[in-house]
N, C-alpha and C. Protein backbone atom coordinates (compact mmCIF):
# COMPACT_ATOMS: atom_id res chain seq x y z
N UNK A 1 73.11 4.39 54.53
CA UNK A 1 72.19 4.66 55.67
C UNK A 1 71.73 6.07 55.67
N UNK A 2 72.00 7.31 55.17
CA UNK A 2 71.99 8.31 55.86
C UNK A 2 70.46 8.54 54.25
N UNK A 3 70.23 8.00 53.31
CA UNK A 3 69.31 8.00 52.42
C UNK A 3 68.36 7.23 52.96
N UNK A 4 68.46 5.97 53.56
CA UNK A 4 67.39 5.00 53.98
C UNK A 4 66.71 5.26 54.97
N UNK A 5 67.26 6.45 56.32
CA UNK A 5 66.64 6.81 57.14
C UNK A 5 66.01 7.74 56.46
N UNK A 6 66.30 9.17 55.49
CA UNK A 6 65.38 9.89 54.94
C UNK A 6 64.08 9.27 54.08
N UNK A 7 64.80 8.38 53.54
CA UNK A 7 63.44 7.78 52.55
C UNK A 7 62.57 6.87 53.38
N UNK A 8 62.46 6.52 55.02
CA UNK A 8 61.70 5.77 55.66
C UNK A 8 59.93 6.53 55.66
N UNK A 9 59.33 6.08 55.62
CA UNK A 9 57.62 6.05 55.79
C UNK A 9 57.45 6.56 57.04
N UNK A 10 58.18 6.29 57.94
CA UNK A 10 58.12 7.51 59.09
C UNK A 10 59.08 7.91 59.63
N UNK A 11 58.80 9.46 59.66
CA UNK A 11 60.05 10.40 60.05
C UNK A 11 59.87 11.22 61.61
N UNK A 12 60.84 10.93 62.15
CA UNK A 12 61.31 11.38 63.35
C UNK A 12 61.98 12.68 63.51
N UNK A 13 61.63 13.62 63.74
CA UNK A 13 61.95 15.29 63.70
C UNK A 13 63.57 15.02 64.42
N UNK A 14 63.63 14.59 65.19
CA UNK A 14 64.82 14.51 66.12
C UNK A 14 65.72 13.53 65.44
N UNK A 15 65.29 12.96 64.84
CA UNK A 15 66.68 11.90 63.66
C UNK A 15 67.13 12.80 62.60
N UNK A 16 65.78 13.45 61.88
CA UNK A 16 66.09 14.14 60.89
C UNK A 16 67.16 15.37 61.33
N UNK A 17 67.10 16.02 62.76
CA UNK A 17 67.97 16.96 62.94
C UNK A 17 69.56 16.26 63.26
N UNK A 18 69.46 15.48 63.84
CA UNK A 18 70.65 14.98 64.12
C UNK A 18 71.39 14.80 62.71
N UNK A 19 71.02 14.15 61.53
CA UNK A 19 71.14 14.00 60.24
C UNK A 19 71.80 15.18 59.43
N UNK A 20 70.49 15.97 60.11
CA UNK A 20 71.33 17.61 59.80
C UNK A 20 72.63 18.30 59.97
N UNK A 21 73.08 17.21 61.39
CA UNK A 21 74.34 18.03 61.72
C UNK A 21 74.72 16.81 61.33
N UNK A 22 75.13 15.75 61.27
CA UNK A 22 75.77 14.97 60.42
C UNK A 22 75.89 14.55 59.09
N UNK A 23 75.50 15.77 58.21
CA UNK A 23 75.65 15.64 56.68
C UNK A 23 76.91 16.33 56.49
N UNK A 24 76.79 17.67 57.37
CA UNK A 24 78.80 18.36 56.70
C UNK A 24 79.83 16.96 57.35
N UNK A 25 79.92 16.56 58.21
CA UNK A 25 80.83 15.31 59.01
C UNK A 25 80.83 14.38 57.06
N UNK A 26 79.86 13.88 57.33
CA UNK A 26 79.82 12.90 56.25
C UNK A 26 80.67 13.50 54.72
N UNK A 27 80.23 14.50 54.49
CA UNK A 27 80.91 15.28 53.28
C UNK A 27 81.99 15.41 53.26
N UNK A 28 82.69 15.76 54.62
CA UNK A 28 84.21 15.63 54.99
C UNK A 28 84.69 14.53 54.75
N UNK A 29 84.05 13.26 55.32
CA UNK A 29 84.96 12.00 55.05
C UNK A 29 85.13 11.76 54.06
N UNK A 30 84.06 12.02 52.80
CA UNK A 30 83.96 11.35 51.14
C UNK A 30 85.25 12.64 50.77
N UNK A 31 85.39 13.64 51.51
CA UNK A 31 86.38 14.66 50.70
C UNK A 31 87.57 13.73 50.86
N UNK A 32 88.08 13.17 51.98
CA UNK A 32 89.11 11.92 52.07
C UNK A 32 89.37 11.07 51.14
N UNK A 33 88.28 10.28 50.90
CA UNK A 33 88.26 9.33 50.05
C UNK A 33 88.26 9.66 48.46
N UNK A 34 87.59 10.31 48.30
CA UNK A 34 87.14 10.70 46.40
C UNK A 34 88.06 12.15 46.28
N UNK A 35 88.65 11.99 44.52
CA UNK A 35 89.03 13.37 44.62
C UNK A 35 88.40 14.72 44.17
N UNK A 36 89.10 15.83 44.13
CA UNK A 36 88.11 16.92 44.18
C UNK A 36 86.89 17.16 42.78
N UNK A 37 87.52 16.61 41.78
CA UNK A 37 86.82 16.51 40.99
C UNK A 37 85.90 15.37 40.41
N UNK A 38 85.08 14.60 41.97
CA UNK A 38 84.12 13.77 42.18
C UNK A 38 82.66 15.03 42.58
N UNK A 39 83.37 16.02 43.25
CA UNK A 39 82.17 16.78 44.09
C UNK A 39 82.04 17.95 43.04
N UNK A 40 80.41 17.68 43.03
CA UNK A 40 79.81 19.07 42.40
C UNK A 40 78.63 19.59 43.27
N UNK A 41 77.66 20.01 42.29
CA UNK A 41 76.80 20.73 43.34
C UNK A 41 75.46 19.83 43.95
N UNK A 42 75.34 18.02 43.22
CA UNK A 42 74.76 17.24 43.76
C UNK A 42 75.22 16.44 45.32
N UNK A 43 76.33 16.36 45.21
CA UNK A 43 77.00 15.85 46.75
C UNK A 43 76.46 16.69 47.55
N UNK A 44 76.75 18.41 47.34
CA UNK A 44 76.37 19.48 48.99
C UNK A 44 74.90 19.38 48.74
N UNK A 45 73.89 18.54 47.80
CA UNK A 45 72.69 18.37 48.56
C UNK A 45 72.30 17.74 49.70
N UNK A 46 73.27 17.10 50.27
CA UNK A 46 73.70 16.10 51.49
C UNK A 46 73.28 16.83 52.70
N UNK A 47 73.36 18.20 52.26
CA UNK A 47 73.66 19.06 53.08
C UNK A 47 72.21 19.40 53.47
N UNK A 48 71.27 19.48 52.51
CA UNK A 48 69.75 20.08 52.53
C UNK A 48 68.81 18.95 52.98
N UNK A 49 68.72 17.46 52.52
CA UNK A 49 67.96 16.68 52.28
C UNK A 49 67.17 16.33 53.32
N UNK A 50 68.06 16.17 54.88
CA UNK A 50 67.20 16.58 56.13
C UNK A 50 66.16 17.16 56.21
N UNK A 51 66.71 18.42 56.39
CA UNK A 51 65.64 19.76 56.73
C UNK A 51 64.90 19.54 55.38
N UNK A 52 65.03 19.45 54.29
CA UNK A 52 64.02 19.09 53.25
C UNK A 52 62.70 17.79 53.67
N UNK A 53 63.21 17.25 54.14
CA UNK A 53 62.53 15.77 54.78
C UNK A 53 61.77 16.18 55.82
N UNK A 54 62.29 16.84 56.88
CA UNK A 54 61.84 17.63 58.17
C UNK A 54 60.29 18.56 57.58
N UNK A 55 60.94 19.29 56.67
CA UNK A 55 60.09 20.14 56.29
C UNK A 55 58.50 19.58 55.41
N UNK A 56 58.92 19.04 54.50
CA UNK A 56 57.81 18.13 53.65
C UNK A 56 57.65 17.19 54.12
N UNK A 57 57.98 16.29 54.58
CA UNK A 57 57.52 14.81 54.38
C UNK A 57 58.81 13.96 54.34
N UNK A 58 57.72 12.86 54.33
CA UNK A 58 59.07 11.50 52.92
C UNK A 58 58.91 11.82 52.08
N UNK A 59 60.26 11.63 51.39
CA UNK A 59 59.96 12.61 49.95
C UNK A 59 59.62 11.59 48.62
N UNK A 60 58.69 9.98 49.02
CA UNK A 60 58.66 9.34 47.74
C UNK A 60 57.18 10.05 47.26
N UNK A 61 56.64 10.63 48.43
CA UNK A 61 55.61 11.51 47.80
C UNK A 61 55.84 12.64 47.39
N UNK A 62 57.10 13.53 47.14
CA UNK A 62 57.31 14.18 46.16
C UNK A 62 58.39 14.15 44.87
N UNK A 63 58.73 12.84 44.81
CA UNK A 63 59.48 12.47 43.83
C UNK A 63 59.58 12.75 42.35
N UNK A 64 59.89 13.31 41.52
CA UNK A 64 59.26 13.55 40.37
C UNK A 64 59.86 12.70 39.13
N UNK A 65 60.44 11.28 39.57
CA UNK A 65 60.81 10.37 38.31
C UNK A 65 59.75 10.10 37.62
N UNK A 66 58.02 10.15 37.73
CA UNK A 66 57.47 9.43 37.02
C UNK A 66 57.34 10.60 35.80
N UNK A 67 57.65 12.09 36.45
CA UNK A 67 57.09 13.19 35.50
C UNK A 67 58.25 13.18 34.69
N UNK A 68 59.56 13.24 34.98
CA UNK A 68 60.90 13.41 34.24
C UNK A 68 60.78 12.07 32.89
N UNK A 69 60.31 10.92 33.78
CA UNK A 69 60.44 9.58 32.60
C UNK A 69 59.58 9.94 31.80
N UNK A 70 58.53 10.68 31.51
CA UNK A 70 57.04 11.05 30.87
C UNK A 70 57.68 12.47 30.15
N UNK A 71 58.37 13.20 30.41
CA UNK A 71 58.81 14.15 29.95
C UNK A 71 60.00 13.79 28.77
N UNK A 72 60.80 12.82 29.35
CA UNK A 72 62.03 11.96 28.43
C UNK A 72 61.09 10.98 27.53
N UNK A 73 60.05 11.10 27.96
CA UNK A 73 59.35 10.12 26.75
C UNK A 73 58.86 10.83 25.50
N UNK A 74 58.62 12.14 25.79
CA UNK A 74 58.15 13.36 25.25
C UNK A 74 58.93 13.70 24.41
N UNK A 75 60.01 13.49 24.60
CA UNK A 75 61.04 14.15 23.90
C UNK A 75 61.85 13.94 23.14
N UNK A 76 61.09 12.49 23.04
CA UNK A 76 61.93 11.70 22.36
C UNK A 76 61.54 11.40 20.73
N UNK A 77 60.31 12.17 21.08
CA UNK A 77 59.05 12.42 20.01
C UNK A 77 59.14 13.44 18.81
N UNK A 78 60.07 14.54 19.82
CA UNK A 78 60.29 16.10 18.42
C UNK A 78 60.83 15.28 17.26
N UNK A 79 60.11 16.33 16.64
CA UNK A 79 60.52 16.26 15.16
C UNK A 79 61.18 17.51 14.38
N UNK A 80 60.76 18.28 14.46
CA UNK A 80 60.95 19.61 14.12
C UNK A 80 61.42 20.60 15.53
N UNK A 81 63.37 20.77 15.24
CA UNK A 81 63.43 20.65 16.26
C UNK A 81 63.64 22.71 16.25
N UNK A 82 63.13 23.50 15.26
CA UNK A 82 62.31 24.79 15.37
C UNK A 82 61.43 25.26 16.24
N UNK A 83 60.58 24.05 16.34
CA UNK A 83 59.25 24.27 17.00
C UNK A 83 59.57 22.97 17.87
N UNK A 84 59.74 23.36 18.94
CA UNK A 84 60.16 22.28 19.57
C UNK A 84 58.87 21.77 20.56
N UNK A 85 57.83 22.48 20.97
CA UNK A 85 56.97 22.77 22.14
C UNK A 85 56.01 22.54 21.45
N UNK A 86 55.61 22.51 20.18
CA UNK A 86 54.79 22.54 18.99
C UNK A 86 54.69 21.11 18.68
N UNK A 87 55.88 20.18 18.41
CA UNK A 87 55.89 19.37 18.09
C UNK A 87 55.81 18.08 19.13
N UNK A 88 56.30 18.35 20.64
CA UNK A 88 55.97 17.85 21.29
C UNK A 88 54.49 17.63 21.92
N UNK A 89 53.80 18.64 21.46
CA UNK A 89 52.21 18.72 21.95
C UNK A 89 51.49 18.03 20.82
N UNK A 90 52.12 17.92 19.43
CA UNK A 90 51.50 17.33 18.47
C UNK A 90 51.52 15.80 19.06
N UNK A 91 53.23 15.09 19.75
CA UNK A 91 53.38 14.19 19.97
C UNK A 91 52.26 13.65 20.76
N UNK A 92 52.04 14.47 21.88
CA UNK A 92 51.36 13.99 22.75
C UNK A 92 49.84 13.75 22.22
N UNK A 93 49.21 14.74 21.80
CA UNK A 93 47.81 14.65 21.47
C UNK A 93 47.75 13.48 20.31
N UNK A 94 48.61 12.64 19.46
CA UNK A 94 48.67 11.77 18.73
C UNK A 94 48.45 10.66 19.77
N UNK A 95 49.28 10.06 20.76
CA UNK A 95 49.45 9.37 21.60
C UNK A 95 48.09 9.25 22.12
N UNK A 96 47.47 10.42 22.88
CA UNK A 96 46.27 10.53 23.63
C UNK A 96 45.37 9.47 22.53
N UNK A 97 45.38 10.36 21.23
CA UNK A 97 44.07 10.12 20.18
C UNK A 97 44.57 8.41 20.13
N UNK A 98 45.23 8.02 20.03
CA UNK A 98 45.54 6.54 19.62
C UNK A 98 44.84 6.05 20.63
N UNK A 99 45.55 6.37 21.98
CA UNK A 99 45.25 5.80 23.22
C UNK A 99 43.21 5.44 23.29
N UNK A 100 42.98 6.79 22.96
CA UNK A 100 41.64 6.86 23.01
C UNK A 100 40.80 5.73 22.03
N UNK A 101 41.26 5.90 21.01
CA UNK A 101 40.79 4.93 19.85
C UNK A 101 40.65 3.74 19.77
N UNK A 102 41.70 2.87 20.56
CA UNK A 102 42.02 1.38 21.20
C UNK A 102 40.85 1.15 21.58
N UNK A 103 40.17 1.86 22.28
CA UNK A 103 38.62 1.32 23.04
C UNK A 103 37.70 0.68 22.30
N UNK A 104 38.13 1.43 20.79
CA UNK A 104 36.99 1.20 20.06
C UNK A 104 37.22 -0.09 18.99
N UNK A 105 38.57 -0.29 18.96
CA UNK A 105 38.80 -1.49 17.86
C UNK A 105 38.02 -2.71 18.70
N UNK A 106 38.11 -3.79 17.74
CA UNK A 106 37.60 -5.00 18.00
C UNK A 106 38.74 -6.11 18.89
N UNK A 107 38.31 -6.83 19.57
CA UNK A 107 38.81 -7.58 20.54
C UNK A 107 40.45 -8.53 19.80
N UNK A 108 40.22 -8.69 18.39
CA UNK A 108 41.17 -9.21 17.63
C UNK A 108 42.35 -8.52 17.25
N UNK A 109 42.04 -7.38 17.51
CA UNK A 109 43.35 -6.42 16.94
C UNK A 109 44.31 -5.90 17.67
N UNK A 110 45.45 -6.22 17.39
CA UNK A 110 46.52 -5.99 18.28
C UNK A 110 46.75 -4.86 18.49
N UNK A 111 46.38 -4.22 20.12
CA UNK A 111 46.76 -2.71 20.37
C UNK A 111 47.75 -2.49 21.76
N UNK A 112 47.69 -1.51 21.97
CA UNK A 112 48.79 -1.23 23.18
C UNK A 112 47.74 -1.91 24.60
N UNK A 113 46.68 -1.56 24.39
CA UNK A 113 45.47 -2.22 25.52
C UNK A 113 45.65 -3.45 25.52
N UNK A 114 45.87 -4.56 24.50
CA UNK A 114 45.51 -6.07 24.74
C UNK A 114 46.69 -6.87 24.42
N UNK A 115 47.91 -6.02 24.72
CA UNK A 115 49.17 -6.53 24.10
C UNK A 115 49.31 -7.30 25.43
N UNK A 116 49.91 -8.62 25.01
CA UNK A 116 50.59 -9.06 26.12
C UNK A 116 51.52 -8.88 27.10
N UNK A 117 51.65 -9.56 28.46
CA UNK A 117 52.86 -8.68 29.26
C UNK A 117 54.39 -9.28 28.84
N UNK A 118 55.05 -8.70 28.99
CA UNK A 118 56.46 -8.88 28.39
C UNK A 118 57.06 -10.02 28.94
N UNK A 119 56.92 -10.22 30.04
CA UNK A 119 57.15 -11.83 30.40
C UNK A 119 56.59 -13.03 29.40
N UNK A 120 54.88 -12.84 29.28
CA UNK A 120 54.68 -13.73 28.61
C UNK A 120 54.74 -14.05 27.04
N UNK A 121 55.24 -15.46 26.73
CA UNK A 121 55.62 -15.92 25.92
C UNK A 121 54.66 -17.13 25.06
N UNK A 122 53.35 -17.49 25.80
CA UNK A 122 52.38 -18.32 25.69
C UNK A 122 52.16 -18.14 23.83
N UNK A 123 51.96 -19.07 23.36
CA UNK A 123 51.86 -19.05 21.55
C UNK A 123 50.46 -20.28 21.66
N UNK A 124 50.28 -20.68 22.53
CA UNK A 124 49.77 -22.14 22.17
C UNK A 124 47.84 -22.07 23.32
N UNK A 125 47.63 -22.94 23.27
CA UNK A 125 46.80 -23.71 24.32
C UNK A 125 47.41 -24.73 24.44
N UNK A 126 47.25 -24.98 25.70
CA UNK A 126 48.28 -26.27 26.53
C UNK A 126 46.94 -26.49 27.44
N UNK A 127 47.21 -27.78 27.10
CA UNK A 127 45.92 -28.56 28.37
C UNK A 127 46.87 -29.24 28.98
N UNK A 128 46.75 -28.87 30.64
CA UNK A 128 47.34 -29.65 31.55
C UNK A 128 45.98 -30.72 32.59
N UNK A 129 46.53 -31.72 32.82
CA UNK A 129 45.25 -32.29 33.72
C UNK A 129 45.03 -31.68 34.95
N UNK A 130 46.00 -30.95 35.55
CA UNK A 130 45.26 -30.49 36.66
C UNK A 130 45.23 -28.85 36.93
N UNK A 131 44.29 -28.10 37.23
CA UNK A 131 45.14 -26.70 36.91
C UNK A 131 45.81 -25.98 37.82
N UNK A 132 45.86 -26.95 38.62
CA UNK A 132 47.28 -25.96 39.29
C UNK A 132 48.32 -25.38 38.81
N UNK A 133 48.82 -26.72 37.64
CA UNK A 133 50.05 -26.04 36.86
C UNK A 133 49.68 -25.94 35.50
N UNK A 134 48.48 -25.33 35.66
CA UNK A 134 48.26 -24.62 33.89
C UNK A 134 48.21 -23.24 34.23
N UNK A 135 49.90 -22.85 34.00
CA UNK A 135 50.44 -21.49 34.06
C UNK A 135 50.75 -20.88 32.60
N UNK A 136 50.79 -19.92 32.53
CA UNK A 136 51.59 -19.39 30.74
C UNK A 136 52.56 -18.75 31.17
N UNK A 137 53.72 -18.41 30.51
CA UNK A 137 55.09 -18.17 30.29
C UNK A 137 55.74 -19.09 30.61
N UNK A 138 57.03 -18.88 31.13
CA UNK A 138 58.34 -19.53 31.14
C UNK A 138 58.72 -19.24 32.36
N UNK A 139 60.04 -20.13 33.01
CA UNK A 139 60.96 -19.71 34.27
C UNK A 139 61.37 -19.03 33.78
N UNK A 140 62.31 -18.39 34.73
CA UNK A 140 63.59 -17.49 34.19
C UNK A 140 64.61 -17.98 34.01
N UNK A 141 64.94 -19.26 34.49
CA UNK A 141 66.41 -20.30 33.95
C UNK A 141 66.20 -21.25 33.43
N UNK A 142 67.29 -22.02 33.92
CA UNK A 142 66.66 -23.42 33.29
C UNK A 142 66.27 -24.15 34.49
N UNK A 143 64.96 -25.14 33.85
CA UNK A 143 64.51 -26.27 34.68
C UNK A 143 65.22 -27.08 35.80
N UNK A 144 65.18 -27.00 36.87
CA UNK A 144 66.29 -28.27 37.91
C UNK A 144 64.82 -29.10 38.20
N UNK A 145 65.34 -30.38 38.61
CA UNK A 145 64.66 -31.11 38.93
C UNK A 145 65.09 -31.66 40.23
N UNK A 146 64.36 -31.82 41.57
CA UNK A 146 65.01 -31.92 42.66
C UNK A 146 63.75 -32.61 43.30
N UNK A 147 63.74 -33.77 44.62
CA UNK A 147 63.21 -34.24 44.85
C UNK A 147 62.57 -33.67 46.69
N UNK A 148 61.44 -33.47 47.44
CA UNK A 148 61.31 -32.73 48.55
C UNK A 148 62.42 -33.54 49.37
N UNK A 149 62.65 -32.59 50.09
CA UNK A 149 64.06 -33.50 50.86
C UNK A 149 63.42 -33.94 52.18
N UNK A 150 62.93 -33.03 53.13
CA UNK A 150 62.14 -33.57 54.38
C UNK A 150 60.45 -33.30 54.47
N UNK A 151 60.37 -33.87 55.88
CA UNK A 151 58.72 -33.86 55.87
C UNK A 151 58.06 -32.20 55.88
N UNK A 152 58.91 -31.49 56.25
CA UNK A 152 58.47 -30.21 56.26
C UNK A 152 57.99 -29.69 54.72
N UNK A 153 58.52 -30.04 53.54
CA UNK A 153 58.91 -29.83 52.49
C UNK A 153 57.47 -30.20 51.99
N UNK A 154 57.77 -31.64 52.23
CA UNK A 154 56.30 -32.81 51.83
C UNK A 154 55.04 -31.74 51.90
N UNK A 155 54.69 -31.48 53.55
CA UNK A 155 53.97 -30.72 54.00
C UNK A 155 53.41 -29.77 53.59
N UNK A 156 54.25 -28.97 52.94
CA UNK A 156 53.88 -27.64 52.53
C UNK A 156 53.46 -28.32 51.13
N UNK A 157 54.24 -28.66 50.03
CA UNK A 157 53.62 -28.54 49.24
C UNK A 157 52.13 -29.41 49.03
N UNK A 158 51.85 -30.39 50.05
CA UNK A 158 50.70 -31.09 49.92
C UNK A 158 49.48 -30.26 50.52
N UNK A 159 49.62 -29.16 51.33
CA UNK A 159 48.80 -28.04 51.65
C UNK A 159 48.54 -27.20 50.57
N UNK A 160 49.70 -27.13 49.89
CA UNK A 160 49.12 -26.19 48.87
C UNK A 160 48.57 -26.52 47.81
N UNK A 161 48.61 -27.75 47.19
CA UNK A 161 47.87 -28.70 46.57
C UNK A 161 46.60 -28.80 47.38
N UNK A 162 46.39 -28.82 48.47
CA UNK A 162 44.84 -29.31 48.94
C UNK A 162 44.01 -27.54 48.96
N UNK A 163 44.80 -26.59 49.17
CA UNK A 163 43.95 -25.67 49.11
C UNK A 163 43.81 -24.44 47.84
N UNK A 164 44.68 -25.48 46.76
CA UNK A 164 44.79 -24.32 45.68
C UNK A 164 44.00 -25.32 44.47
N UNK A 165 43.92 -26.51 44.43
CA UNK A 165 43.66 -27.38 43.54
C UNK A 165 42.29 -27.36 43.47
N UNK A 166 41.18 -27.04 41.91
CA UNK A 166 40.07 -27.28 41.77
C UNK A 166 40.02 -28.68 41.85
N UNK A 167 40.67 -29.28 41.48
CA UNK A 167 40.19 -30.89 41.01
C UNK A 167 39.83 -31.53 42.77
N UNK A 168 40.87 -30.89 43.44
CA UNK A 168 41.13 -31.54 44.80
C UNK A 168 39.49 -31.24 45.63
N UNK A 169 39.05 -29.54 45.29
CA UNK A 169 37.69 -29.64 46.04
C UNK A 169 36.27 -30.54 46.46
N UNK A 170 36.30 -31.27 45.44
CA UNK A 170 35.08 -32.18 45.61
C UNK A 170 35.11 -33.61 46.76
N UNK A 171 36.71 -33.95 46.57
CA UNK A 171 36.94 -34.83 47.47
C UNK A 171 36.92 -34.31 49.03
N UNK A 172 37.74 -33.03 48.83
CA UNK A 172 37.60 -32.36 50.58
C UNK A 172 36.11 -32.10 51.10
N UNK A 173 35.57 -31.32 50.05
CA UNK A 173 33.48 -31.59 50.45
C UNK A 173 33.11 -32.88 50.60
């Protein structure tokens, strides 16, 4: 609940001050449960987070996850451990050049830009009579057949088809 209230999009100053006074008490309660080896400087940060949220606003606008993830991506490309910075710069430049050059390839050439999405395993042309069922990809699990149980489900399915199926539009007009 502590982290949920700190990460909410609307912060109330009085609520942050209340969390600021409750943070040491929460740490004391955690010290009863966990052994001393569990605690390091990261657990102590709980004391400072409400003040930081009060001063800086919601933390999701200050998070460094994207930057850290990108730096991790660059660090994976280090080739020469004697010249780390130059190796990272070279890898970054190579990646930028290849991203720029992708725009000038013909459409049939497979690149990062025109690669199909991760969950798309569409491998051919499938013709389906109704456009409403013409989707690429696959389900996330084994398919199950079931009948619509009550009139609300039947009404919802009927309404969905009337609103979204192109073949029905002629009859509606």
